[in-house]
Protein backbone atom coordinates (compact mmCIF):
# COMPACT_ATOMS: atom_id res chain seq x y z
CA MET A 1 207.31 312.15 195.73
CA GLU A 2 210.64 310.36 195.45
CA SER A 3 208.96 306.95 195.56
CA LEU A 4 206.88 307.88 192.50
CA LEU A 5 210.03 308.66 190.56
CA TYR A 6 211.39 305.16 191.27
CA THR A 7 208.34 303.38 189.87
CA PRO A 8 208.86 301.41 186.64
CA ILE A 9 206.81 303.78 184.49
CA SER A 10 207.93 306.53 182.18
CA MET A 11 207.63 310.20 183.08
CA GLU A 12 205.06 310.60 180.30
CA GLN A 13 202.89 307.90 181.88
CA LEU A 14 203.30 309.51 185.30
CA LEU A 15 202.21 312.92 184.00
CA ARG A 16 199.26 311.48 182.09
CA ALA A 17 198.17 309.57 185.19
CA LYS A 18 198.47 312.72 187.28
CA ILE A 19 196.31 314.68 184.84
CA LEU A 20 193.74 311.92 184.29
CA GLY A 21 193.58 311.19 188.02
CA VAL A 22 192.12 314.65 188.51
CA PHE A 23 190.25 314.86 185.19
CA VAL A 24 188.02 311.81 185.70
CA PRO A 25 186.53 312.79 189.10
CA SER A 26 186.12 316.42 188.08
CA TYR A 27 184.27 315.48 184.89
CA ILE A 28 182.06 313.02 186.78
CA ILE A 29 181.15 315.74 189.30
CA THR A 30 180.47 318.18 186.45
CA PHE A 31 178.26 315.66 184.66
CA ILE A 32 176.31 314.83 187.84
CA SER A 33 175.83 318.56 188.49
CA PHE A 34 174.60 318.95 184.89
CA ILE A 35 172.04 316.18 185.38
CA ILE A 36 170.80 317.66 188.68
CA PHE A 37 170.58 321.13 187.10
CA GLY A 38 168.69 319.64 184.15
CA ILE A 39 166.17 317.91 186.40
CA ILE A 40 165.53 321.04 188.46
CA PHE A 41 165.35 323.22 185.34
CA ASP A 42 162.96 320.81 183.59
CA ILE A 43 160.66 320.65 186.61
CA GLY A 44 160.46 324.45 186.76
CA GLY A 45 160.24 324.75 182.98
CA PHE A 46 157.46 322.18 182.75
CA ILE A 47 155.45 323.98 185.42
CA TYR A 48 155.94 327.36 183.74
CA PHE A 49 155.93 326.46 180.01
CA GLY A 50 154.06 323.15 179.99
CA LYS A 51 156.87 321.34 178.16
CA LEU A 52 160.46 320.21 178.68
CA ILE A 53 162.92 322.79 177.38
CA PHE A 54 166.25 321.48 178.61
CA PRO A 55 168.71 320.15 177.46
CA ASP A 56 168.89 321.20 173.86
CA ILE A 57 171.60 320.37 171.32
CA LYS A 58 173.87 323.23 172.44
CA TRP A 59 173.93 321.99 176.01
CA LEU A 60 174.69 318.44 174.90
CA VAL A 61 177.59 319.69 172.73
CA ILE A 62 178.88 321.71 175.67
CA ILE A 63 178.72 318.91 178.24
CA SER A 64 180.04 316.18 175.96
CA TRP A 65 182.61 318.08 173.85
CA ILE A 66 183.55 321.51 175.26
CA VAL A 67 183.62 320.73 179.00
CA PRO A 68 186.08 317.80 178.74
CA ALA A 69 188.34 319.83 176.43
CA VAL A 70 188.38 322.88 178.72
CA ASN A 71 188.79 320.70 181.81
CA LEU A 72 191.73 318.84 180.28
CA LEU A 73 193.28 322.10 179.06
CA SER A 74 193.08 323.70 182.49
CA LEU A 75 194.55 320.65 184.21
CA THR A 76 197.36 320.32 181.67
CA PHE A 77 198.13 324.02 181.93
CA THR A 78 198.11 323.82 185.73
CA VAL A 79 200.54 320.87 185.71
CA MET A 80 202.79 322.76 183.28
CA VAL A 81 202.76 325.88 185.45
CA SER A 82 203.28 323.98 188.71
CA ALA A 83 206.30 322.16 187.26
CA LYS A 84 207.95 325.49 186.41
CA SER A 85 206.93 327.47 189.51
CA GLU A 86 209.06 327.97 192.57
CA THR A 87 206.20 327.94 195.09
CA PHE A 88 202.60 326.75 195.12
CA GLN A 89 201.39 330.34 195.54
CA GLU A 90 203.08 331.31 192.29
CA ALA A 91 201.51 328.33 190.53
CA GLN A 92 198.04 329.28 191.81
CA GLN A 93 198.37 332.89 190.71
CA VAL A 94 199.58 332.03 187.22
CA SER A 95 196.90 329.33 186.84
CA GLY A 96 194.27 331.92 187.74
CA PHE A 97 194.98 333.68 184.45
CA LEU A 98 193.38 330.71 182.68
CA LEU A 99 189.99 331.92 183.91
CA ILE A 100 190.18 335.23 182.04
CA PRO A 101 189.36 333.83 178.54
CA VAL A 102 186.58 331.67 179.98
CA ILE A 103 185.04 334.66 181.76
CA LEU A 104 185.34 336.79 178.60
CA LEU A 105 183.57 334.09 176.57
CA LEU A 106 180.83 333.88 179.20
CA VAL A 107 180.32 337.65 179.25
CA GLY A 108 180.34 337.75 175.44
CA GLN A 109 177.65 335.09 175.28
CA MET A 110 175.47 336.75 177.93
CA THR A 111 175.66 340.21 176.37
CA GLY A 112 174.96 338.93 172.86
CA VAL A 113 178.26 340.21 171.47
CA LEU A 114 179.41 336.65 170.79
CA LEU A 115 176.83 334.12 169.64
CA LEU A 116 178.10 330.60 169.15
CA ASN A 117 176.17 328.06 167.12
CA ASN A 118 176.59 324.28 167.31
CA PHE A 119 179.12 324.14 164.46
CA VAL A 120 181.35 326.84 165.98
CA MET A 121 181.22 325.12 169.39
CA PHE A 122 182.11 321.77 167.80
CA ILE A 123 185.09 323.31 165.95
CA GLY A 124 186.16 325.17 169.11
CA GLY A 125 186.09 321.95 171.12
CA GLY A 126 188.20 320.22 168.47
CA ILE A 127 190.74 323.04 168.57
CA LEU A 128 190.87 322.78 172.36
CA LEU A 129 191.44 319.01 172.18
CA VAL A 130 194.30 319.49 169.70
CA LEU A 131 195.77 322.12 172.04
CA ASP A 132 195.42 319.64 174.93
CA TYR A 133 197.34 317.03 172.97
CA ILE A 134 200.11 319.49 172.04
CA LEU A 135 200.46 320.76 175.62
CA MET A 136 200.53 317.25 177.08
CA ASN A 137 203.29 316.20 174.68
CA ARG A 138 205.22 319.40 175.37
CA ILE A 139 205.03 318.89 179.12
CA SER A 140 206.10 315.25 178.99
CA ALA A 141 209.03 316.05 176.68
CA GLY A 142 210.37 318.83 178.88
CA PHE A 143 209.70 317.27 182.28
CA VAL A 144 212.71 317.06 184.59
CA PRO A 145 211.78 315.02 187.68
CA GLU A 146 214.79 316.21 189.69
CA LYS A 147 213.31 319.73 189.78
CA LEU A 148 210.37 318.45 191.83
CA ILE A 149 212.48 317.06 194.66
C-alpha cells in the first residue's frame, strides 16, 4: 500500500483507478451474463411462444444505463465506507446496507406496487450517475492516505 502512495499520481487519480479497476470487470461479467441469459430465454421463449420476446426496450435501458450507474454507486460507496472503517468486517457490514434499497425496488416491481416505465428508469439512471459523480468528488476531496497505513 505504501508504494502506491509514492507513485507520481494524485490521490484523486488513485481513487478513480481503484474504482474503475473493479467497475470494468464487473460490468463485463454482468453484460456477458445478460447475453447468456438472453440467449437461453430466447430459445425457451421461441419454443413456447413461437417468437423472440427478449430483450425489450426496458431491458436494454437497464443493462446500458441503470446497471452501470448502480454498479458505480455501490463501488464508490464501498470505497467511501472502507476508507472510514476501522476493520474490514465493519466495512462489509455497512456496505451491506446498500442492498436494502435495491431489494425494496425489486420487491416493489415484482409485487406490482412500483411500476417503472422507460422514462422513469432513464431519469433514475441519470440521478444515480449524478450521485456517483458527487460521491466520487467527495471521496477524493476528503481522502487522507495516511489513515490507510
